[in-house]
C-alpha atoms as a PDB file:
ATOM      1  CA  UNK A   1     -57.851 130.526 -79.605  1.00  0.00           C
ATOM      2  CA  UNK A   2     -58.628 126.822 -80.123  1.00  0.00           C
ATOM      3  CA  UNK A   3     -54.948 125.912 -79.727  1.00  0.00           C
ATOM      4  CA  UNK A   4     -54.639 127.962 -76.532  1.00  0.00           C
ATOM      5  CA  UNK A   5     -57.770 126.297 -75.175  1.00  0.00           C
ATOM      6  CA  UNK A   6     -56.362 122.817 -75.822  1.00  0.00           C
ATOM      7  CA  UNK A   7     -53.033 123.661 -74.171  1.00  0.00           C
ATOM      8  CA  UNK A   8     -54.669 124.999 -71.024  1.00  0.00           C
ATOM      9  CA  UNK A   9     -57.449 122.412 -70.627  1.00  0.00           C
ATOM     10  CA  UNK A  10     -57.345 119.102 -68.810  1.00  0.00           C
ATOM     11  CA  UNK A  11     -57.866 115.799 -70.629  1.00  0.00           C
ATOM     12  CA  UNK A  12     -61.363 115.223 -69.236  1.00  0.00           C
ATOM     13  CA  UNK A  13     -62.605 118.555 -70.560  1.00  0.00           C
ATOM     14  CA  UNK A  14     -61.024 117.958 -73.957  1.00  0.00           C
ATOM     15  CA  UNK A  15     -62.723 114.547 -74.118  1.00  0.00           C
ATOM     16  CA  UNK A  16     -66.068 116.127 -73.247  1.00  0.00           C
ATOM     17  CA  UNK A  17     -65.571 118.836 -75.875  1.00  0.00           C
ATOM     18  CA  UNK A  18     -64.737 116.158 -78.449  1.00  0.00           C
ATOM     19  CA  UNK A  19     -67.901 114.240 -77.564  1.00  0.00           C
ATOM     20  CA  UNK A  20     -70.023 117.362 -77.980  1.00  0.00           C
ATOM     21  CA  UNK A  21     -68.332 118.100 -81.287  1.00  0.00           C
ATOM     22  CA  UNK A  22     -68.999 114.545 -82.474  1.00  0.00           C
ATOM     23  CA  UNK A  23     -72.644 114.702 -81.478  1.00  0.00           C
ATOM     24  CA  UNK A  24     -73.038 118.162 -83.036  1.00  0.00           C
ATOM     25  CA  UNK A  25     -71.497 116.893 -86.237  1.00  0.00           C
ATOM     26  CA  UNK A  26     -73.787 113.896 -86.504  1.00  0.00           C
ATOM     27  CA  UNK A  27     -76.864 115.934 -85.695  1.00  0.00           C
ATOM     28  CA  UNK A  28     -76.080 118.577 -88.305  1.00  0.00           C
ATOM     29  CA  UNK A  29     -74.522 116.390 -90.985  1.00  0.00           C
ATOM     30  CA  UNK A  30     -77.763 116.111 -92.967  1.00  0.00           C
ATOM     31  CA  UNK A  31     -78.388 119.854 -92.767  1.00  0.00           C
ATOM     32  CA  UNK A  32     -74.907 120.568 -94.087  1.00  0.00           C
ATOM     33  CA  UNK A  33     -75.310 118.069 -96.929  1.00  0.00           C
ATOM     34  CA  UNK A  34     -78.702 119.502 -97.869  1.00  0.00           C
ATOM     35  CA  UNK A  35     -77.274 123.019 -97.961  1.00  0.00           C
ATOM     36  CA  UNK A  36     -74.778 122.009-100.655  1.00  0.00           C
ATOM     37  CA  UNK A  37     -77.671 120.791-102.795  1.00  0.00           C
ATOM     38  CA  UNK A  38     -80.145 123.591-102.247  1.00  0.00           C
ATOM     39  CA  UNK A  39     -78.328 126.767-101.179  1.00  0.00           C
ATOM     40  CA  UNK A  40     -79.052 129.362-103.846  1.00  0.00           C
ATOM     41  CA  UNK A  41     -80.830 126.831-106.081  1.00  0.00           C
ATOM     42  CA  UNK A  42     -84.490 127.890-106.476  1.00  0.00           C
ATOM     43  CA  UNK A  43     -85.216 124.879-108.700  1.00  0.00           C
ATOM     44  CA  UNK A  44     -84.503 122.467-105.826  1.00  0.00           C
ATOM     45  CA  UNK A  45     -87.235 121.214-103.531  1.00  0.00           C
ATOM     46  CA  UNK A  46     -85.976 119.241-100.539  1.00  0.00           C
ATOM     47  CA  UNK A  47     -87.714 116.184 -99.113  1.00  0.00           C
ATOM     48  CA  UNK A  48     -85.979 115.096 -95.929  1.00  0.00           C
ATOM     49  CA  UNK A  49     -85.834 111.512 -94.709  1.00  0.00           C
ATOM     50  CA  UNK A  50     -84.086 110.820 -91.387  1.00  0.00           C
ATOM     51  CA  UNK A  51     -83.463 107.110 -90.910  1.00  0.00           C
ATOM     52  CA  UNK A  52     -80.311 106.925 -88.793  1.00  0.00           C
ATOM     53  CA  UNK A  53     -80.391 103.800 -86.643  1.00  0.00           C
ATOM     54  CA  UNK A  54     -77.462 104.391 -84.304  1.00  0.00           C
ATOM     55  CA  UNK A  55     -76.150 107.297 -82.243  1.00  0.00           C
ATOM     56  CA  UNK A  56     -73.942 108.290 -79.322  1.00  0.00           C
ATOM     57  CA  UNK A  57     -74.962 109.226 -75.805  1.00  0.00           C
ATOM     58  CA  UNK A  58     -74.203 112.445 -73.898  1.00  0.00           C
ATOM     59  CA  UNK A  59     -70.701 111.171 -73.167  1.00  0.00           C
ATOM     60  CA  UNK A  60     -69.933 110.390 -76.778  1.00  0.00           C
ATOM     61  CA  UNK A  61     -70.231 106.647 -76.240  1.00  0.00           C
ATOM     62  CA  UNK A  62     -71.974 104.558 -78.919  1.00  0.00           C
ATOM     63  CA  UNK A  63     -75.534 103.545 -78.206  1.00  0.00           C
ATOM     64  CA  UNK A  64     -75.703  99.936 -79.298  1.00  0.00           C
ATOM     65  CA  UNK A  65     -78.268  98.641 -81.704  1.00  0.00           C
ATOM     66  CA  UNK A  66     -79.343  95.084 -82.284  1.00  0.00           C
ATOM     67  CA  UNK A  67     -81.404  93.138 -84.825  1.00  0.00           C
ATOM     68  CA  UNK A  68     -84.643  94.667 -83.530  1.00  0.00           C
ATOM     69  CA  UNK A  69     -83.382  98.191 -84.166  1.00  0.00           C
ATOM     70  CA  UNK A  70     -82.120  97.233 -87.638  1.00  0.00           C
ATOM     71  CA  UNK A  71     -85.504  95.720 -88.463  1.00  0.00           C
ATOM     72  CA  UNK A  72     -87.188  98.994 -87.457  1.00  0.00           C
ATOM     73  CA  UNK A  73     -84.749 100.780 -89.762  1.00  0.00           C
ATOM     74  CA  UNK A  74     -85.802  98.427 -92.582  1.00  0.00           C
ATOM     75  CA  UNK A  75     -89.448  99.348 -92.004  1.00  0.00           C
ATOM     76  CA  UNK A  76     -88.586 103.057 -92.038  1.00  0.00           C
ATOM     77  CA  UNK A  77     -86.641 102.595 -95.280  1.00  0.00           C
ATOM     78  CA  UNK A  78     -89.573 100.849 -96.945  1.00  0.00           C
ATOM     79  CA  UNK A  79     -91.969 103.567 -95.817  1.00  0.00           C
ATOM     80  CA  UNK A  80     -89.559 106.288 -96.941  1.00  0.00           C
ATOM     81  CA  UNK A  81     -89.279 104.700-100.379  1.00  0.00           C
ATOM     82  CA  UNK A  82     -93.057 104.632-100.750  1.00  0.00           C
ATOM     83  CA  UNK A  83     -93.315 108.258 -99.628  1.00  0.00           C
ATOM     84  CA  UNK A  84     -90.580 109.405-102.012  1.00  0.00           C
ATOM     85  CA  UNK A  85     -92.146 107.606-104.950  1.00  0.00           C
ATOM     86  CA  UNK A  86     -95.544 109.040-104.058  1.00  0.00           C
ATOM     87  CA  UNK A  87     -94.098 112.556-103.815  1.00  0.00           C
ATOM     88  CA  UNK A  88     -92.432 112.287-107.221  1.00  0.00           C
ATOM     89  CA  UNK A  89     -88.886 112.550-105.866  1.00  0.00           C
ATOM     90  CA  UNK A  90     -86.375 112.265-108.724  1.00  0.00           C
ATOM     91  CA  UNK A  91     -83.017 112.468-106.910  1.00  0.00           C
ATOM     92  CA  UNK A  92     -81.991 110.996-103.559  1.00  0.00           C
ATOM     93  CA  UNK A  93     -78.656 111.894-101.961  1.00  0.00           C
ATOM     94  CA  UNK A  94     -77.190 109.213 -99.689  1.00  0.00           C
ATOM     95  CA  UNK A  95     -74.181 110.584 -97.816  1.00  0.00           C
ATOM     96  CA  UNK A  96     -73.635 107.594 -95.561  1.00  0.00           C
ATOM     97  CA  UNK A  97     -72.606 103.967 -95.681  1.00  0.00           C
ATOM     98  CA  UNK A  98     -72.400 100.858 -93.576  1.00  0.00           C
ATOM     99  CA  UNK A  99     -70.194  97.773 -93.586  1.00  0.00           C
ATOM    100  CA  UNK A 100     -70.223  94.482 -91.720  1.00  0.00           C
ATOM    101  CA  UNK A 101     -66.960  95.474 -90.002  1.00  0.00           C
ATOM    102  CA  UNK A 102     -68.480  98.725 -88.730  1.00  0.00           C
ATOM    103  CA  UNK A 103     -71.527  96.958 -87.330  1.00  0.00           C
ATOM    104  CA  UNK A 104     -69.282  94.391 -85.660  1.00  0.00           C
ATOM    105  CA  UNK A 105     -67.198  97.142 -84.091  1.00  0.00           C
ATOM    106  CA  UNK A 106     -70.312  98.921 -82.832  1.00  0.00           C
ATOM    107  CA  UNK A 107     -71.608  95.711 -81.250  1.00  0.00           C
ATOM    108  CA  UNK A 108     -68.332  95.318 -79.365  1.00  0.00           C
ATOM    109  CA  UNK A 109     -67.946  99.000 -78.456  1.00  0.00           C
ATOM    110  CA  UNK A 110     -71.465  99.198 -77.051  1.00  0.00           C
ATOM    111  CA  UNK A 111     -71.037  96.024 -75.034  1.00  0.00           C
ATOM    112  CA  UNK A 112     -73.856  94.169 -76.769  1.00  0.00           C
ATOM    113  CA  UNK A 113     -71.242  91.575 -77.665  1.00  0.00           C
ATOM    114  CA  UNK A 114     -68.052  90.698 -75.849  1.00  0.00           C
ATOM    115  CA  UNK A 115     -66.971  87.777 -78.039  1.00  0.00           C
ATOM    116  CA  UNK A 116     -65.319  88.893 -81.277  1.00  0.00           C
ATOM    117  CA  UNK A 117     -66.342  85.836 -83.287  1.00  0.00           C
ATOM    118  CA  UNK A 118     -69.948  86.120 -82.197  1.00  0.00           C
ATOM    119  CA  UNK A 119     -69.917  89.848 -82.949  1.00  0.00           C
ATOM    120  CA  UNK A 120     -68.632  89.189 -86.484  1.00  0.00           C
ATOM    121  CA  UNK A 121     -71.373  86.636 -87.056  1.00  0.00           C
ATOM    122  CA  UNK A 122     -74.103  88.976 -85.853  1.00  0.00           C
ATOM    123  CA  UNK A 123     -72.557  91.933 -87.686  1.00  0.00           C
ATOM    124  CA  UNK A 124     -72.514  90.064 -90.991  1.00  0.00           C
ATOM    125  CA  UNK A 125     -76.157  89.026 -90.596  1.00  0.00           C
ATOM    126  CA  UNK A 126     -77.271  92.553 -89.704  1.00  0.00           C
ATOM    127  CA  UNK A 127     -75.288  93.906 -92.652  1.00  0.00           C
ATOM    128  CA  UNK A 128     -77.116  91.547 -95.027  1.00  0.00           C
ATOM    129  CA  UNK A 129     -80.425  92.836 -93.676  1.00  0.00           C
ATOM    130  CA  UNK A 130     -79.404  96.438 -94.388  1.00  0.00           C
ATOM    131  CA  UNK A 131     -78.058  95.493 -97.812  1.00  0.00           C
ATOM    132  CA  UNK A 132     -81.259  93.705 -98.828  1.00  0.00           C
ATOM    133  CA  UNK A 133     -83.414  96.647 -97.756  1.00  0.00           C
ATOM    134  CA  UNK A 134     -81.328  99.090 -99.780  1.00  0.00           C
ATOM    135  CA  UNK A 135     -81.341  96.901-102.882  1.00  0.00           C
ATOM    136  CA  UNK A 136     -85.118  96.601-102.613  1.00  0.00           C
ATOM    137  CA  UNK A 137     -85.397 100.387-102.282  1.00  0.00           C
ATOM    138  CA  UNK A 138     -83.293 101.002-105.379  1.00  0.00           C
ATOM    139  CA  UNK A 139     -85.015  98.375-107.506  1.00  0.00           C
ATOM    140  CA  UNK A 140     -88.485  99.528-106.516  1.00  0.00           C
ATOM    141  CA  UNK A 141     -87.624 103.171-107.323  1.00  0.00           C
ATOM    142  CA  UNK A 142     -86.422 103.196-110.968  1.00  0.00           C
ATOM    143  CA  UNK A 143     -87.474 106.826-111.431  1.00  0.00           C
ATOM    144  CA  UNK A 144     -85.191 108.018-108.612  1.00  0.00           C
ATOM    145  CA  UNK A 145     -81.467 108.587-109.164  1.00  0.00           C
ATOM    146  CA  UNK A 146     -79.636 107.629-105.971  1.00  0.00           C
ATOM    147  CA  UNK A 147     -76.456 109.710-105.690  1.00  0.00           C
ATOM    148  CA  UNK A 148     -74.193 108.046-103.150  1.00  0.00           C
ATOM    149  CA  UNK A 149     -71.062 109.230-101.350  1.00  0.00           C
ATOM    150  CA  UNK A 150     -68.326 106.686-102.117  1.00  0.00           C
ATOM    151  CA  UNK A 151     -66.946 106.718 -98.575  1.00  0.00           C
ATOM    152  CA  UNK A 152     -63.812 107.893 -96.800  1.00  0.00           C
ATOM    153  CA  UNK A 153     -61.941 104.606 -96.463  1.00  0.00           C
ATOM    154  CA  UNK A 154     -58.940 105.370 -98.735  1.00  0.00           C
ATOM    155  CA  UNK A 155     -59.471 101.843-100.068  1.00  0.00           C
ATOM    156  CA  UNK A 156     -60.888 100.269-103.214  1.00  0.00           C
ATOM    157  CA  UNK A 157     -64.639  99.926-103.014  1.00  0.00           C
ATOM    158  CA  UNK A 158     -64.537  96.120-103.060  1.00  0.00           C
ATOM    159  CA  UNK A 159     -62.302  96.058 -99.967  1.00  0.00           C
ATOM    160  CA  UNK A 160     -64.320  98.725 -98.151  1.00  0.00           C
ATOM    161  CA  UNK A 161     -67.395  96.612 -98.991  1.00  0.00           C
ATOM    162  CA  UNK A 162     -69.939  99.127 -97.744  1.00  0.00           C
ATOM    163  CA  UNK A 163     -73.533  99.519 -98.751  1.00  0.00           C
ATOM    164  CA  UNK A 164     -74.885 101.273-100.649  1.00  0.00           C
ATOM    165  CA  UNK A 165     -71.512 102.045-102.256  1.00  0.00           C
ATOM    166  CA  UNK A 166     -70.952  98.631-103.866  1.00  0.00           C
ATOM    167  CA  UNK A 167     -74.365  98.619-105.533  1.00  0.00           C
ATOM    168  CA  UNK A 168     -74.315  98.528-109.332  1.00  0.00           C
ATOM    169  CA  UNK A 169     -77.705  99.491-110.748  1.00  0.00           C
ATOM    170  CA  UNK A 170     -78.727 101.929-113.529  1.00  0.00           C
ATOM    171  CA  UNK A 171     -80.278 104.350-111.026  1.00  0.00           C
ATOM    172  CA  UNK A 172     -77.267 104.440-108.670  1.00  0.00           C
ATOM    173  CA  UNK A 173     -74.266 106.764-109.055  1.00  0.00           C
ATOM    174  CA  UNK A 174     -71.285 106.611-106.685  1.00  0.00           C
ATOM    175  CA  UNK A 175     -69.280 109.806-106.152  1.00  0.00           C
ATOM    176  CA  UNK A 176     -65.658 110.169-105.038  1.00  0.00           C
ATOM    177  CA  UNK A 177     -63.940 113.234-103.601  1.00  0.00           C
ATOM    178  CA  UNK A 178     -61.289 115.554-105.004  1.00  0.00           C
ATOM    179  CA  UNK A 179     -59.319 118.265-103.276  1.00  0.00           C
ATOM    180  CA  UNK A 180     -58.351 121.771-104.346  1.00  0.00           C
ATOM    181  CA  UNK A 181     -55.883 120.311-106.851  1.00  0.00           C
ATOM    182  CA  UNK A 182     -58.671 118.504-108.674  1.00  0.00           C
ATOM    183  CA  UNK A 183     -57.098 115.141-107.900  1.00  0.00           C
ATOM    184  CA  UNK A 184     -58.616 112.474-105.634  1.00  0.00           C
ATOM    185  CA  UNK A 185     -58.189 113.153-101.926  1.00  0.00           C
ATOM    186  CA  UNK A 186     -56.153 110.867 -99.711  1.00  0.00           C
ATOM    187  CA  UNK A 187     -59.341 109.711 -97.972  1.00  0.00           C
ATOM    188  CA  UNK A 188     -61.770 108.929-100.779  1.00  0.00           C
ATOM    189  CA  UNK A 189     -62.896 105.401-101.519  1.00  0.00           C
ATOM    190  CA  UNK A 190     -62.090 104.595-105.142  1.00  0.00           C
ATOM    191  CA  UNK A 191     -62.531 101.915-107.803  1.00  0.00           C
ATOM    192  CA  UNK A 192     -64.385 101.244-111.063  1.00  0.00           C
ATOM    193  CA  UNK A 193     -67.796 101.649-109.440  1.00  0.00           C
ATOM    194  CA  UNK A 194     -66.930 105.238-108.444  1.00  0.00           C
ATOM    195  CA  UNK A 195     -67.990 106.732-111.759  1.00  0.00           C
ATOM    196  CA  UNK A 196     -67.658 110.464-111.050  1.00  0.00           C
ATOM    197  CA  UNK A 197     -65.759 112.759-108.674  1.00  0.00           C
ATOM    198  CA  UNK A 198     -66.581 116.172-107.196  1.00  0.00           C
ATOM    199  CA  UNK A 199     -65.051 118.560-104.673  1.00  0.00           C
ATOM    200  CA  UNK A 200     -64.858 117.032-101.202  1.00  0.00           C
ATOM    201  CA  UNK A 201     -62.453 119.267 -99.277  1.00  0.00           C
ATOM    202  CA  UNK A 202     -63.203 122.631 -97.606  1.00  0.00           C
ATOM    203  CA  UNK A 203     -66.771 122.548 -98.885  1.00  0.00           C
ATOM    204  CA  UNK A 204     -68.853 125.520 -97.759  1.00  0.00           C
ATOM    205  CA  UNK A 205     -71.939 124.383 -95.825  1.00  0.00           C
ATOM    206  CA  UNK A 206     -74.727 125.970 -93.818  1.00  0.00           C
ATOM    207  CA  UNK A 207     -74.659 125.493 -90.069  1.00  0.00           C
ATOM    208  CA  UNK A 208     -77.344 126.064 -87.403  1.00  0.00           C
ATOM    209  CA  UNK A 209     -77.483 129.606 -86.101  1.00  0.00           C
ATOM    210  CA  UNK A 210     -77.238 131.096 -89.603  1.00  0.00           C
ATOM    211  CA  UNK A 211     -73.549 130.258 -89.672  1.00  0.00           C
ATOM    212  CA  UNK A 212     -71.284 128.960 -92.426  1.00  0.00           C
ATOM    213  CA  UNK A 213     -68.698 126.219 -91.976  1.00  0.00           C
ATOM    214  CA  UNK A 214     -66.175 124.310 -94.072  1.00  0.00           C
ATOM    215  CA  UNK A 215     -66.453 120.544 -94.093  1.00  0.00           C
ATOM    216  CA  UNK A 216     -64.877 117.669 -95.979  1.00  0.00           C
ATOM    217  CA  UNK A 217     -65.550 114.093 -97.036  1.00  0.00           C
ATOM    218  CA  UNK A 218     -67.329 112.323 -99.852  1.00  0.00           C
ATOM    219  CA  UNK A 219     -70.518 113.230 -97.964  1.00  0.00           C
ATOM    220  CA  UNK A 220     -70.039 116.664 -99.501  1.00  0.00           C
ATOM    221  CA  UNK A 221     -68.975 115.463-102.945  1.00  0.00           C
ATOM    222  CA  UNK A 222     -72.226 113.595-103.550  1.00  0.00           C
ATOM    223  CA  UNK A 223     -74.512 116.632-103.025  1.00  0.00           C
ATOM    224  CA  UNK A 224     -72.584 118.556-105.702  1.00  0.00           C
ATOM    225  CA  UNK A 225     -73.601 115.822-108.135  1.00  0.00           C
ATOM    226  CA  UNK A 226     -77.175 115.721-106.794  1.00  0.00           C
ATOM    227  CA  UNK A 227     -77.374 119.492-107.313  1.00  0.00           C
ATOM    228  CA  UNK A 228     -76.150 119.113-110.898  1.00  0.00           C
ATOM    229  CA  UNK A 229     -78.728 116.385-111.517  1.00  0.00           C
ATOM    230  CA  UNK A 230     -81.469 118.691-110.213  1.00  0.00           C
ATOM    231  CA  UNK A 231     -80.259 121.445-112.536  1.00  0.00           C
ATOM    232  CA  UNK A 232     -80.473 119.020-115.470  1.00  0.00           C
ATOM    233  CA  UNK A 233     -84.055 118.106-114.619  1.00  0.00           C
ATOM    234  CA  UNK A 234     -84.940 121.789-114.199  1.00  0.00           C
ATOM    235  CA  UNK A 235     -84.151 122.425-117.878  1.00  0.00           C
ATOM    236  CA  UNK A 236     -85.275 119.016-119.152  1.00  0.00           C
ATOM    237  CA  UNK A 237     -87.847 117.483-116.783  1.00  0.00           C
ATOM    238  CA  UNK A 238     -88.691 114.631-119.163  1.00  0.00           C
ATOM    239  CA  UNK A 239     -85.217 113.104-118.888  1.00  0.00           C
ATOM    240  CA  UNK A 240     -85.275 109.591-117.496  1.00  0.00           C
ATOM    241  CA  UNK A 241     -83.167 108.571-114.515  1.00  0.00           C
ATOM    242  CA  UNK A 242     -80.858 106.601-116.786  1.00  0.00           C
ATOM    243  CA  UNK A 243     -80.447 109.632-119.054  1.00  0.00           C
ATOM    244  CA  UNK A 244     -79.561 111.940-116.157  1.00  0.00           C
ATOM    245  CA  UNK A 245     -76.935 109.477-114.964  1.00  0.00           C
ATOM    246  CA  UNK A 246     -75.620 109.050-118.506  1.00  0.00           C
ATOM    247  CA  UNK A 247     -75.367 112.812-118.986  1.00  0.00           C
ATOM    248  CA  UNK A 248     -73.519 113.395-115.728  1.00  0.00           C
ATOM    249  CA  UNK A 249     -70.915 110.762-116.582  1.00  0.00           C
ATOM    250  CA  UNK A 250     -70.618 111.623-120.281  1.00  0.00           C
ATOM    251  CA  UNK A 251     -69.983 115.320-119.652  1.00  0.00           C
ATOM    252  CA  UNK A 252     -67.632 114.853-116.686  1.00  0.00           C
ATOM    253  CA  UNK A 253     -64.105 116.053-117.433  1.00  0.00           C
ATOM    254  CA  UNK A 254     -61.604 113.188-117.884  1.00  0.00           C
ATOM    255  CA  UNK A 255     -58.523 113.567-115.694  1.00  0.00           C
ATOM    256  CA  UNK A 256     -56.274 110.535-115.708  1.00  0.00           C
ATOM    257  CA  UNK A 257     -58.271 107.617-114.391  1.00  0.00           C
ATOM    258  CA  UNK A 258     -61.193 109.677-113.017  1.00  0.00           C
ATOM    259  CA  UNK A 259     -63.965 111.868-114.357  1.00  0.00           C
ATOM    260  CA  UNK A 260     -64.668 115.233-112.697  1.00  0.00           C
ATOM    261  CA  UNK A 261     -68.185 116.661-112.450  1.00  0.00           C
ATOM    262  CA  UNK A 262     -68.804 119.477-114.947  1.00  0.00           C
ATOM    263  CA  UNK A 263     -72.164 120.953-114.008  1.00  0.00           C
ATOM    264  CA  UNK A 264     -72.425 123.473-116.857  1.00  0.00           C
ATOM    265  CA  UNK A 265     -71.673 120.813-119.457  1.00  0.00           C
ATOM    266  CA  UNK A 266     -74.207 118.459-117.878  1.00  0.00           C
ATOM    267  CA  UNK A 267     -76.922 121.137-118.000  1.00  0.00           C
ATOM    268  CA  UNK A 268     -76.101 121.929-121.646  1.00  0.00           C
ATOM    269  CA  UNK A 269     -76.291 118.200-122.407  1.00  0.00           C
ATOM    270  CA  UNK A 270     -79.714 118.042-120.725  1.00  0.00           C
ATOM    271  CA  UNK A 271     -80.984 121.055-122.681  1.00  0.00           C
ATOM    272  CA  UNK A 272     -79.914 119.479-125.950  1.00  0.00           C
ATOM    273  CA  UNK A 273     -81.395 116.084-125.076  1.00  0.00           C
ATOM    274  CA  UNK A 274     -84.622 117.687-123.854  1.00  0.00           C
ATOM    275  CA  UNK A 275     -84.953 119.841-126.970  1.00  0.00           C
ATOM    276  CA  UNK A 276     -84.382 116.843-129.225  1.00  0.00           C
ATOM    277  CA  UNK A 277     -87.034 114.850-127.380  1.00  0.00           C
ATOM    278  CA  UNK A 278     -89.528 117.726-127.677  1.00  0.00           C
ATOM    279  CA  UNK A 279     -89.124 118.075-131.462  1.00  0.00           C
ATOM    280  CA  UNK A 280     -91.574 115.998-133.515  1.00  0.00           C
ATOM    281  CA  UNK A 281     -90.055 113.430-135.839  1.00  0.00           C
ATOM    282  CA  UNK A 282     -89.912 114.237-139.589  1.00  0.00           C
ATOM    283  CA  UNK A 283     -92.575 111.599-140.184  1.00  0.00           C
ATOM    284  CA  UNK A 284     -94.957 113.210-137.708  1.00  0.00           C
ATOM    285  CA  UNK A 285     -94.264 116.624-139.242  1.00  0.00           C
ATOM    286  CA  UNK A 286     -95.266 115.262-142.674  1.00  0.00           C
ATOM    287  CA  UNK A 287     -98.393 113.716-141.203  1.00  0.00           C
ATOM    288  CA  UNK A 288     -99.465 117.133-139.953  1.00  0.00           C
END
């Protein structure tokens, strides 16, 4: 039916349909990601933070943002960090990224800049603002594990140069995507900072209207890992953020130059670590 529609529809209508599809996708992206984490997982409690600072209009054209908008995003990020820490959030899934090149392109596409050199200068400065805010968030939230989608650039992470993907901190875990074969997809960002991989093709997600859809991208690899981390904390709530990250990586299945998420092994690891931590030491047993 979709093919027949495309063949019998004029270009203007197809463009309008594409714009609606793009807007629908952006609006529902977070819902789809959250469904991978929480669908059928009674131990998960979701805490939603919406901090998107750019969008498209009704015609699918980018709505430009400038330094003022980015600064508002920084304030939202700071407030969100404080709220998450206050609520005792332990895992944060970040299925998005930003690079200086993307900001530059958006400045030009939206018409806020017409000179490429000036756009690159402004884009780089705005990128540094975003980067600083994210680093502050991560460093101020040591008890939160930030699970981050590696990106869909099909490039090494250092070339893609997106935040928060290039961040290397003990409470940050970057996730790449594999396909049905179990091997990395042809779109995933890769590199030494991508420490674990999970399924990122034809991922079943919830869609508004009580519907189910299939979606792909590292956006949907990261929530598999976030879900596994939540399962680990459900059986061993005293695990530290560093321990959860360590367990996810240590139990991931080696496959060539990558490590594949193994949720069951990670949960077993957490049970064992939690049980060991709960047992009194021999010295304390003798003291009793």
